[in-house]
Amino acid sequence: MVYRYLLCGVALLAPAFAAHAVEACDIPPRFGVSETAKAVVRAACDEHRLWYRPFIDRDGRIASLGVTEAEAEHLADNGLIAWQRVAGYWRESGTLSPMGAIPGATSCMQPAGNRYTDSDCRAFLIDNPWSAAFISWVMTRAGVPGFNRSPRHIDYIRAAYQGGANASPYRLADPANEKPAPGDMLCFLRDRSTSLNHAGLIQALGSGRAGNWKSHCEVVIGANVGGDRTLYLVGGNVANTVAMRKLTLDRTGMIELPKPSQAAADAVVEAGCSPGHEEECNLNRQDWAALLKLTANVPMQGPTPVFDGNAPLPPPPDEPVPAPPTR
C-alpha cells in the first residue's frame, strides 16, 4: 500500500517537474506575439544555439560554457568560426565603422585569411565589448524598423527615453513596474560605484548626464514558459559568448529584480567576488535600470540590410546542435 501511494505521489509530482524542463528557444511563440517580436526572438535564439547554448542559472552562476569570442573553433553549424562570427556582428550591424579609429577595427573589415589582419582583428574583439554590436545585429537581422544601431547600449536606451510614451521601435519602462514580453530588452548599468535603478537613470537622461554611460542589454526570449516563473534572456558578450540568462518572476509575472552587489552599492572593492565573498559572485545581481518595451509590430519588408560591403547574413543553423568541442 505504501508503495502504491509513493507511485501516486511521483505521478502527481511529475507534471510539476516537467514544467521546468523547457528549452525556451524551442517553444513556439505564444498567441498574440507580434511578427516583429517573433523575428527578434528567432534571431537571438538562432545565435544562442550556434554558440552551444551556454547559460547563467537563476542563482547567477555560469552553468554551461562552450566556445568563446576570440577562439578559432567551429560553432555549432561546423562551418562558422567563433571569432569571425563576432567580427560579423560588428560589420553586418553597421557598428564597426564608428569604431574605425580604434586599433584593430579596420582589420576586422578585411576578409579572413591574412594572419596579420586576423590577429589584429581578434585583439580588437577581445579589447572591445561587443554586446551592443550583437543587439544591433539581432535588430538588423530581425528587420526592426527605425532601430538606432550603435556600439553603445545607452544610445538606444536614450532614444527610447526621448521618444516618450509613443517611442518606436522601443519605449523605456521601469522593470519594477511593467512585465517583460518576448522581443523586449532588459538592461543594466555597469561599472558604476553606486546603483541608480530606473529613477536614477531617468534623472540622468533628463539632465543629459548619461553621456556614454556603460550599460548592457539582453533580449527577452520568453517569460513564465510552461508556468516556470522564469524570465529567459539572450545577450552577446556575456561570459565572452552568446549566452542565455535566467531570472526569477513573481506570481504575477513581474521580475524579481536581484539587488546589485554590495560591492557596487558601497564602492568597496575589497568586498568584490572572491573565494572569501561568494555572495558577491552572483552574475544576476546587476543594476537593472531599464526595460525596453517593443512597440514595433511589423518587421521591415525586403532583404536584410547588409553593411560595410560584406556578404549577406548566413542562414540560421540546423538542428540538432552538436556538443561543444573537447578542450
Protein backbone atom coordinates (compact mmCIF):
# COMPACT_ATOMS: atom_id res chain seq x y z
CA MET A 1 0.00 0.00 0.00
CA VAL A 2 2.82 2.37 0.85
CA TYR A 3 4.43 1.56 -2.49
CA ARG A 4 1.16 2.43 -4.28
CA TYR A 5 0.95 5.77 -2.51
CA LEU A 6 4.55 6.51 -3.43
CA LEU A 7 3.82 5.81 -7.08
CA CYS A 8 0.80 8.10 -6.93
CA GLY A 9 2.91 10.81 -5.35
CA VAL A 10 5.53 10.52 -8.08
CA ALA A 11 2.82 10.67 -10.73
CA LEU A 12 1.35 13.81 -9.19
CA LEU A 13 4.75 15.48 -8.95
CA ALA A 14 5.82 14.57 -12.50
CA PRO A 15 3.93 17.42 -14.24
CA ALA A 16 5.45 19.94 -11.87
CA PHE A 17 8.96 18.78 -12.68
CA ALA A 18 8.15 18.61 -16.39
CA ALA A 19 7.09 22.25 -16.33
CA HIS A 20 10.68 23.19 -15.53
CA ALA A 21 12.20 21.01 -18.27
CA VAL A 22 11.78 23.56 -21.04
CA GLU A 23 14.04 24.97 -23.72
CA ALA A 24 12.70 28.49 -24.08
CA CYS A 25 14.11 28.89 -27.59
CA ASP A 26 12.38 25.71 -28.77
CA ILE A 27 8.88 26.63 -27.57
CA PRO A 28 6.62 28.16 -30.26
CA PRO A 29 5.72 31.80 -29.55
CA ARG A 30 2.52 32.26 -27.58
CA PHE A 31 -0.63 33.66 -29.15
CA GLY A 32 -0.59 37.43 -29.61
CA VAL A 33 3.18 37.89 -30.01
CA SER A 34 3.83 40.35 -32.85
CA GLU A 35 5.68 39.39 -36.00
CA THR A 36 8.50 41.78 -35.07
CA ALA A 37 8.87 40.18 -31.64
CA LYS A 38 8.95 36.72 -33.24
CA ALA A 39 11.70 37.86 -35.61
CA VAL A 40 13.77 39.33 -32.74
CA VAL A 41 13.41 36.18 -30.64
CA ARG A 42 14.23 33.94 -33.61
CA ALA A 43 17.41 35.88 -34.45
CA ALA A 44 18.66 35.81 -30.83
CA CYS A 45 17.77 32.14 -30.33
CA ASP A 46 19.46 31.07 -33.56
CA GLU A 47 22.69 32.63 -32.33
CA HIS A 48 22.35 31.10 -28.88
CA ARG A 49 22.07 27.64 -30.46
CA LEU A 50 25.04 28.43 -32.68
CA TRP A 51 27.21 29.04 -29.59
CA TYR A 52 26.20 25.69 -28.00
CA ARG A 53 23.53 27.15 -25.67
CA PRO A 54 25.63 28.46 -22.74
CA PHE A 55 23.59 29.91 -19.87
CA ILE A 56 23.58 31.58 -16.47
CA ASP A 57 21.22 29.91 -13.99
CA ARG A 58 18.75 31.57 -11.60
CA ASP A 59 21.44 31.80 -8.93
CA GLY A 60 23.67 33.83 -11.23
CA ARG A 61 26.16 31.06 -11.90
CA ILE A 62 27.63 30.15 -15.28
CA ALA A 63 26.19 26.68 -15.71
CA SER A 64 27.43 25.93 -19.22
CA LEU A 65 30.10 27.44 -21.45
CA GLY A 66 31.31 26.28 -24.84
CA VAL A 67 33.25 28.39 -27.32
CA THR A 68 34.24 31.99 -26.62
CA GLU A 69 34.78 35.14 -28.65
CA ALA A 70 38.35 35.01 -29.95
CA GLU A 71 38.71 31.27 -30.48
CA ALA A 72 39.34 29.66 -33.85
CA GLU A 73 36.88 26.87 -33.01
CA HIS A 74 33.89 26.00 -35.16
CA LEU A 75 30.44 26.92 -33.94
CA ALA A 76 27.52 24.50 -33.90
CA ASP A 77 26.96 24.62 -37.66
CA ASN A 78 30.50 23.18 -38.09
CA GLY A 79 31.32 25.94 -40.54
CA LEU A 80 31.46 29.34 -38.87
CA ILE A 81 34.49 30.22 -36.73
CA ALA A 82 33.83 31.87 -33.37
CA TRP A 83 35.96 34.99 -33.76
CA GLN A 84 34.84 35.51 -37.35
CA ARG A 85 31.21 35.37 -36.22
CA VAL A 86 31.82 38.13 -33.68
CA ALA A 87 33.56 40.23 -36.33
CA GLY A 88 30.44 39.67 -38.43
CA TYR A 89 28.23 41.08 -35.67
CA TRP A 90 30.28 44.27 -35.84
CA ARG A 91 30.33 44.53 -39.63
CA GLU A 92 26.82 43.41 -40.50
CA SER A 93 25.17 45.65 -37.91
CA GLY A 94 26.92 48.77 -39.17
CA THR A 95 28.56 49.34 -35.78
CA LEU A 96 32.16 48.67 -36.87
CA SER A 97 32.64 51.84 -38.93
CA PRO A 98 32.17 54.15 -35.89
CA MET A 99 34.99 52.20 -34.20
CA GLY A 100 37.41 52.82 -37.10
CA ALA A 101 39.84 54.90 -35.03
CA ILE A 102 40.35 52.08 -32.51
CA PRO A 103 43.32 49.74 -33.19
CA GLY A 104 42.25 46.56 -34.93
CA ALA A 105 38.86 47.79 -36.16
CA THR A 106 39.96 48.27 -39.76
CA SER A 107 41.48 44.78 -39.74
CA CYS A 108 38.05 43.36 -38.88
CA MET A 109 36.77 44.94 -42.09
CA GLN A 110 39.15 42.77 -44.12
CA PRO A 111 38.35 39.24 -45.36
CA ALA A 112 39.63 36.49 -43.07
CA GLY A 113 42.71 34.56 -44.10
CA ASN A 114 45.57 37.01 -43.66
CA ARG A 115 47.43 36.16 -40.46
CA TYR A 116 48.35 39.79 -39.77
CA THR A 117 44.88 41.29 -40.08
CA ASP A 118 43.33 38.20 -38.47
CA SER A 119 45.49 38.61 -35.35
CA ASP A 120 44.81 42.33 -35.26
CA CYS A 121 41.06 41.80 -35.57
CA ARG A 122 41.00 39.15 -32.84
CA ALA A 123 42.79 41.54 -30.50
CA PHE A 124 40.10 44.15 -31.25
CA LEU A 125 37.36 41.64 -30.42
CA ILE A 126 38.93 40.87 -27.06
CA ASP A 127 39.60 44.50 -26.12
CA ASN A 128 36.22 45.99 -27.07
CA PRO A 129 32.82 44.95 -25.66
CA TRP A 130 30.60 43.64 -28.45
CA SER A 131 27.30 43.21 -26.62
CA ALA A 132 25.78 46.31 -28.26
CA ALA A 133 27.04 45.20 -31.67
CA PHE A 134 25.28 41.89 -31.06
CA ILE A 135 21.99 43.60 -30.15
CA SER A 136 22.30 45.82 -33.22
CA TRP A 137 22.95 42.72 -35.34
CA VAL A 138 19.85 40.99 -33.93
CA MET A 139 17.71 44.04 -34.71
CA THR A 140 19.18 44.21 -38.22
CA ARG A 141 18.59 40.51 -38.79
CA ALA A 142 15.02 40.80 -37.46
CA GLY A 143 14.29 43.85 -39.61
CA VAL A 144 13.19 46.02 -36.68
CA PRO A 145 12.22 49.35 -38.29
CA GLY A 146 13.90 52.50 -37.02
CA PHE A 147 16.23 50.83 -34.52
CA ASN A 148 19.16 53.07 -33.55
CA ARG A 149 22.08 50.70 -34.20
CA SER A 150 25.05 51.67 -32.06
CA PRO A 151 28.19 50.21 -30.44
CA ARG A 152 26.79 51.60 -27.14
CA HIS A 153 23.62 50.35 -25.46
CA ILE A 154 23.00 53.74 -23.86
CA ASP A 155 22.28 55.24 -27.29
CA TYR A 156 19.16 53.18 -27.89
CA ILE A 157 18.15 53.44 -24.23
CA ARG A 158 18.32 57.22 -24.70
CA ALA A 159 16.35 57.02 -27.95
CA ALA A 160 13.60 55.06 -26.18
CA TYR A 161 13.53 57.68 -23.41
CA GLN A 162 13.40 60.63 -25.80
CA GLY A 163 10.53 59.08 -27.74
CA GLY A 164 8.31 59.13 -24.67
CA ALA A 165 5.13 57.04 -24.41
CA ASN A 166 4.86 56.78 -28.21
CA ALA A 167 8.51 55.84 -28.84
CA SER A 168 9.24 53.35 -31.62
CA PRO A 169 10.58 50.73 -32.03
CA TYR A 170 11.18 50.64 -28.26
CA ARG A 171 9.91 52.73 -25.35
CA LEU A 172 11.60 53.00 -21.97
CA ALA A 173 9.83 51.42 -18.98
CA ASP A 174 10.58 50.64 -15.34
CA PRO A 175 11.39 46.92 -14.96
CA ALA A 176 9.96 47.09 -11.44
CA ASN A 177 6.54 48.22 -12.73
CA GLU A 178 5.97 46.52 -16.11
CA LYS A 179 6.04 42.91 -17.21
CA PRO A 180 8.62 41.76 -19.79
CA ALA A 181 7.46 40.10 -23.00
CA PRO A 182 9.20 38.39 -25.94
CA GLY A 183 11.14 40.86 -28.08
CA ASP A 184 11.65 43.33 -25.22
CA MET A 185 15.09 44.13 -23.82
CA LEU A 186 16.21 44.26 -20.20
CA CYS A 187 19.22 46.47 -19.46
CA PHE A 188 21.53 47.20 -16.55
CA LEU A 189 24.05 49.95 -15.83
CA ARG A 190 27.59 48.73 -15.28
CA ASP A 191 30.96 49.85 -13.91
CA ARG A 192 29.40 52.38 -11.53
CA SER A 193 30.29 52.97 -7.89
CA THR A 194 26.62 53.28 -6.87
CA SER A 195 23.39 51.74 -8.16
CA LEU A 196 20.84 54.12 -9.68
CA ASN A 197 17.88 51.93 -10.61
CA HIS A 198 15.24 53.23 -13.01
CA ALA A 199 14.57 56.53 -11.23
CA GLY A 200 18.24 57.47 -11.24
CA LEU A 201 18.58 56.57 -14.90
CA ILE A 202 15.58 58.74 -15.83
CA GLN A 203 17.04 61.67 -13.90
CA ALA A 204 20.40 61.27 -15.63
CA LEU A 205 18.82 61.02 -19.08
CA GLY A 206 16.67 64.06 -18.42
CA SER A 207 19.62 66.17 -17.34
CA GLY A 208 21.89 64.96 -20.13
CA ARG A 209 24.34 63.38 -17.69
CA ALA A 210 24.10 59.85 -19.09
CA GLY A 211 26.52 60.64 -21.92
CA ASN A 212 28.31 57.45 -22.96
CA TRP A 213 27.49 55.56 -19.77
CA LYS A 214 28.43 51.90 -19.81
CA SER A 215 25.42 49.60 -19.89
CA HIS A 216 24.31 46.20 -21.15
CA CYS A 217 21.06 44.93 -22.72
CA GLU A 218 19.72 41.46 -23.39
CA VAL A 219 16.75 40.26 -25.47
CA VAL A 220 13.72 38.77 -23.72
CA ILE A 221 13.13 35.32 -25.22
CA GLY A 222 10.28 34.14 -23.03
CA ALA A 223 8.58 34.73 -19.71
CA ASN A 224 6.96 32.10 -17.49
CA VAL A 225 7.33 29.41 -20.16
CA GLY A 226 5.32 26.40 -19.05
CA GLY A 227 4.47 28.19 -15.80
CA ASP A 228 8.07 28.02 -14.53
CA ARG A 229 8.19 31.65 -13.22
CA THR A 230 11.42 32.23 -15.15
CA LEU A 231 12.46 35.06 -17.44
CA TYR A 232 14.74 33.98 -20.28
CA LEU A 233 17.17 36.48 -21.81
CA VAL A 234 19.82 36.14 -24.51
CA GLY A 235 22.74 38.56 -24.82
CA GLY A 236 26.08 38.82 -26.56
CA ASN A 237 29.48 39.19 -24.90
CA VAL A 238 28.06 37.51 -21.78
CA ALA A 239 30.97 35.44 -20.46
CA ASN A 240 32.58 36.17 -23.86
CA THR A 241 29.90 34.26 -25.76
CA VAL A 242 26.21 34.46 -26.70
CA ALA A 243 24.54 33.25 -23.52
CA MET A 244 21.12 32.83 -22.01
CA ARG A 245 20.36 34.28 -18.60
CA LYS A 246 17.58 33.12 -16.27
CA LEU A 247 15.89 35.50 -13.84
CA THR A 248 13.02 34.78 -11.45
CA LEU A 249 9.49 36.10 -11.93
CA ASP A 250 6.92 36.55 -9.18
CA ARG A 251 3.44 35.03 -9.32
CA THR A 252 2.11 38.00 -11.30
CA GLY A 253 4.83 37.81 -13.97
CA MET A 254 6.88 40.75 -12.69
CA ILE A 255 10.67 40.43 -12.50
CA GLU A 256 12.07 39.75 -9.04
CA LEU A 257 14.99 42.09 -9.61
CA PRO A 258 18.15 40.83 -7.91
CA LYS A 259 19.70 43.53 -5.78
CA PRO A 260 23.01 44.92 -7.06
CA SER A 261 26.06 43.53 -5.33
CA GLN A 262 27.04 45.19 -2.06
CA ALA A 263 30.44 45.92 -3.55
CA ALA A 264 28.83 48.05 -6.25
CA ALA A 265 26.47 49.73 -3.81
CA ASP A 266 29.17 50.67 -1.30
CA ALA A 267 32.11 51.06 -3.69
CA VAL A 268 34.10 48.64 -1.54
CA VAL A 269 36.47 46.92 -3.94
CA GLU A 270 37.72 44.54 -1.24
CA ALA A 271 34.23 43.04 -0.91
CA GLY A 272 34.04 42.01 -4.55
CA CYS A 273 33.65 38.48 -5.89
CA SER A 274 36.36 36.27 -4.41
CA PRO A 275 36.68 32.87 -2.70
CA GLY A 276 36.02 34.66 0.59
CA HIS A 277 32.97 36.54 -0.70
CA GLU A 278 30.95 34.07 -2.75
CA GLU A 279 27.79 36.09 -2.15
CA GLU A 280 29.20 38.78 -4.45
CA CYS A 281 29.67 36.34 -7.35
CA ASN A 282 26.02 36.26 -8.49
CA LEU A 283 26.11 37.49 -12.10
CA ASN A 284 22.40 38.34 -11.95
CA ARG A 285 22.91 40.95 -9.23
CA GLN A 286 23.11 43.97 -11.51
CA ASP A 287 21.63 47.46 -11.57
CA TRP A 288 18.67 46.51 -13.79
CA ALA A 289 17.50 50.03 -14.60
CA ALA A 290 15.69 49.79 -17.94
CA LEU A 291 13.08 47.65 -19.61
CA LEU A 292 12.79 48.48 -23.31
CA LYS A 293 9.30 47.54 -24.47
CA LEU A 294 8.99 46.60 -28.13
CA THR A 295 6.36 48.79 -29.82
CA ALA A 296 7.02 47.98 -33.49
CA ASN A 297 4.62 45.30 -34.71
CA VAL A 298 5.67 44.60 -38.29
CA PRO A 299 9.29 43.99 -39.38
CA MET A 300 10.74 45.70 -42.44
CA GLN A 301 9.93 44.01 -45.73
CA GLY A 302 12.55 43.01 -48.27
CA PRO A 303 16.07 41.63 -47.89
CA THR A 304 18.04 42.05 -44.67
CA PRO A 305 20.20 45.20 -44.84
CA VAL A 306 23.91 44.48 -45.32
CA PHE A 307 26.58 46.97 -44.25
CA ASP A 308 30.25 47.69 -44.96
CA GLY A 309 30.19 45.71 -48.21
CA ASN A 310 30.05 42.29 -46.58
CA ALA A 311 28.23 39.18 -47.77
CA PRO A 312 24.60 38.67 -46.71
CA LEU A 313 23.91 37.13 -43.34
CA PRO A 314 24.19 33.33 -43.37
CA PRO A 315 21.08 31.23 -42.73
CA PRO A 316 20.39 30.06 -39.16
CA PRO A 317 21.98 26.77 -38.12
CA ASP A 318 20.11 23.49 -38.49
CA GLU A 319 19.14 21.36 -35.52
CA PRO A 320 20.23 19.26 -33.74
CA VAL A 321 23.04 21.17 -32.07
CA PRO A 322 26.22 19.12 -31.59
CA ALA A 323 28.18 19.12 -28.36
CA PRO A 324 30.85 21.78 -27.80
CA PRO A 325 34.37 20.89 -28.91
CA THR A 326 36.50 19.00 -26.45
CA ARG A 327 39.20 21.14 -24.87
